[in-house]
Amino acid sequence: MLNTYQLIPVGEKEMVAEGKCLQTGKIYRTAPFTGLGWMRWKKGGEMIQAALPELNADDREFLISGFSPKGWLEIYGTEDEIN
């Protein structure tokens, strides 16, 4: 999948990812993370959980799929709706 976000520097060694959610079309922005961690995940094949431990599951999912938490909820609903 092509990146649906852009990387924006927010410090000397940190950045955020910002872009439109593929489902909602609304802008989503992650928490700050290190550029080195992003490179280890994207270019080095390291698992995202290990490379970017500072991000929560919602932010990691956005980097992987391009879906924000709200977009994911619109598509898949909640666990309560599934059960």
C-alpha atoms as a PDB file:
ATOM      1  CA  MET A   1       0.000   0.000   0.000  1.00  0.00           C
ATOM      2  CA  LEU A   2       1.206   3.485  -0.748  1.00  0.00           C
ATOM      3  CA  ASN A   3       1.699   5.830   2.161  1.00  0.00           C
ATOM      4  CA  THR A   4      -1.422   7.859   2.731  1.00  0.00           C
ATOM      5  CA  TYR A   5       0.407  10.199   5.059  1.00  0.00           C
ATOM      6  CA  GLN A   6       3.309  12.575   5.160  1.00  0.00           C
ATOM      7  CA  LEU A   7       6.018  12.713   7.804  1.00  0.00           C
ATOM      8  CA  ILE A   8       6.282  16.043   9.611  1.00  0.00           C
ATOM      9  CA  PRO A   9       9.286  16.861  11.827  1.00  0.00           C
ATOM     10  CA  VAL A  10       8.310  17.965  15.353  1.00  0.00           C
ATOM     11  CA  GLY A  11      11.701  17.970  16.970  1.00  0.00           C
ATOM     12  CA  GLU A  12      15.319  17.200  16.347  1.00  0.00           C
ATOM     13  CA  LYS A  13      14.781  13.436  16.146  1.00  0.00           C
ATOM     14  CA  GLU A  14      11.005  13.069  16.189  1.00  0.00           C
ATOM     15  CA  MET A  15       8.210  13.293  13.663  1.00  0.00           C
ATOM     16  CA  VAL A  16       4.493  12.680  13.318  1.00  0.00           C
ATOM     17  CA  ALA A  17       2.582  11.130  10.462  1.00  0.00           C
ATOM     18  CA  GLU A  18      -0.396  13.094   9.168  1.00  0.00           C
ATOM     19  CA  GLY A  19      -2.800  12.273   6.393  1.00  0.00           C
ATOM     20  CA  LYS A  20      -6.348  11.556   5.343  1.00  0.00           C
ATOM     21  CA  CYS A  21      -7.998   8.433   6.647  1.00  0.00           C
ATOM     22  CA  LEU A  22      -8.871   6.162   3.722  1.00  0.00           C
ATOM     23  CA  GLN A  23     -12.367   5.598   5.129  1.00  0.00           C
ATOM     24  CA  THR A  24     -13.460   8.944   6.576  1.00  0.00           C
ATOM     25  CA  GLY A  25     -11.357  11.319   4.478  1.00  0.00           C
ATOM     26  CA  LYS A  26     -10.589  13.284   7.661  1.00  0.00           C
ATOM     27  CA  ILE A  27      -7.084  14.250   8.704  1.00  0.00           C
ATOM     28  CA  TYR A  28      -5.486  12.014  11.329  1.00  0.00           C
ATOM     29  CA  ARG A  29      -2.218  12.731  13.117  1.00  0.00           C
ATOM     30  CA  THR A  30      -0.153  10.277  15.127  1.00  0.00           C
ATOM     31  CA  ALA A  31       1.743  10.892  18.327  1.00  0.00           C
ATOM     32  CA  PRO A  32       5.438  11.751  17.893  1.00  0.00           C
ATOM     33  CA  PHE A  33       7.867   8.938  17.084  1.00  0.00           C
ATOM     34  CA  THR A  34      11.528   8.671  16.164  1.00  0.00           C
ATOM     35  CA  GLY A  35      12.710   8.801  12.591  1.00  0.00           C
ATOM     36  CA  LEU A  36      15.167   6.003  13.347  1.00  0.00           C
ATOM     37  CA  GLY A  37      12.314   3.770  14.542  1.00  0.00           C
ATOM     38  CA  TRP A  38      10.281   4.526  11.426  1.00  0.00           C
ATOM     39  CA  MET A  39      13.261   3.631   9.222  1.00  0.00           C
ATOM     40  CA  ARG A  40      13.847   0.378  11.132  1.00  0.00           C
ATOM     41  CA  TRP A  41      10.220  -0.583  10.508  1.00  0.00           C
ATOM     42  CA  LYS A  42       9.778   0.667   6.960  1.00  0.00           C
ATOM     43  CA  LYS A  43      13.175  -0.104   5.474  1.00  0.00           C
ATOM     44  CA  GLY A  44      14.601  -2.684   7.844  1.00  0.00           C
ATOM     45  CA  GLY A  45      11.667  -5.038   8.119  1.00  0.00           C
ATOM     46  CA  GLU A  46      11.451  -4.810  11.912  1.00  0.00           C
ATOM     47  CA  MET A  47       7.985  -5.338  13.382  1.00  0.00           C
ATOM     48  CA  ILE A  48       6.260  -2.020  13.956  1.00  0.00           C
ATOM     49  CA  GLN A  49       5.581  -2.814  17.629  1.00  0.00           C
ATOM     50  CA  ALA A  50       9.307  -3.227  18.247  1.00  0.00           C
ATOM     51  CA  ALA A  51      10.473  -0.340  16.063  1.00  0.00           C
ATOM     52  CA  LEU A  52       7.899   2.202  17.309  1.00  0.00           C
ATOM     53  CA  PRO A  53       6.980   1.223  20.886  1.00  0.00           C
ATOM     54  CA  GLU A  54       6.085   4.847  21.661  1.00  0.00           C
ATOM     55  CA  LEU A  55       2.982   4.605  19.432  1.00  0.00           C
ATOM     56  CA  ASN A  56      -0.305   3.105  20.522  1.00  0.00           C
ATOM     57  CA  ALA A  57      -2.130   0.481  18.475  1.00  0.00           C
ATOM     58  CA  ASP A  58      -4.340   3.091  16.741  1.00  0.00           C
ATOM     59  CA  ASP A  59      -1.346   5.097  15.526  1.00  0.00           C
ATOM     60  CA  ARG A  60       0.472   1.979  14.360  1.00  0.00           C
ATOM     61  CA  GLU A  61      -2.613   0.828  12.455  1.00  0.00           C
ATOM     62  CA  PHE A  62      -2.808   4.183  10.685  1.00  0.00           C
ATOM     63  CA  LEU A  63       0.816   3.831   9.559  1.00  0.00           C
ATOM     64  CA  ILE A  64       0.178   0.286   8.337  1.00  0.00           C
ATOM     65  CA  SER A  65      -3.225   0.607   6.677  1.00  0.00           C
ATOM     66  CA  GLY A  66      -4.124   4.283   6.362  1.00  0.00           C
ATOM     67  CA  PHE A  67      -7.230   3.848   8.524  1.00  0.00           C
ATOM     68  CA  SER A  68      -7.773   6.084  11.550  1.00  0.00           C
ATOM     69  CA  PRO A  69      -9.482   4.721  14.662  1.00  0.00           C
ATOM     70  CA  LYS A  70     -12.788   6.269  13.516  1.00  0.00           C
ATOM     71  CA  GLY A  71     -12.393   4.821  10.022  1.00  0.00           C
ATOM     72  CA  TRP A  72     -11.625   1.381  11.450  1.00  0.00           C
ATOM     73  CA  LEU A  73     -14.727   1.624  13.642  1.00  0.00           C
ATOM     74  CA  GLU A  74     -16.905   2.599  10.667  1.00  0.00           C
ATOM     75  CA  ILE A  75     -15.698  -0.420   8.714  1.00  0.00           C
ATOM     76  CA  TYR A  76     -15.537  -3.094  11.388  1.00  0.00           C
ATOM     77  CA  GLY A  77     -17.684  -1.799  14.253  1.00  0.00           C
ATOM     78  CA  THR A  78     -16.921  -2.607  17.858  1.00  0.00           C
ATOM     79  CA  GLU A  79     -16.290  -5.896  19.580  1.00  0.00           C
ATOM     80  CA  ASP A  80     -19.727  -5.556  21.194  1.00  0.00           C
ATOM     81  CA  GLU A  81     -21.355  -5.332  17.763  1.00  0.00           C
ATOM     82  CA  ILE A  82     -19.511  -8.435  16.566  1.00  0.00           C
ATOM     83  CA  ASN A  83     -20.435 -10.597  19.566  1.00  0.00           C
END
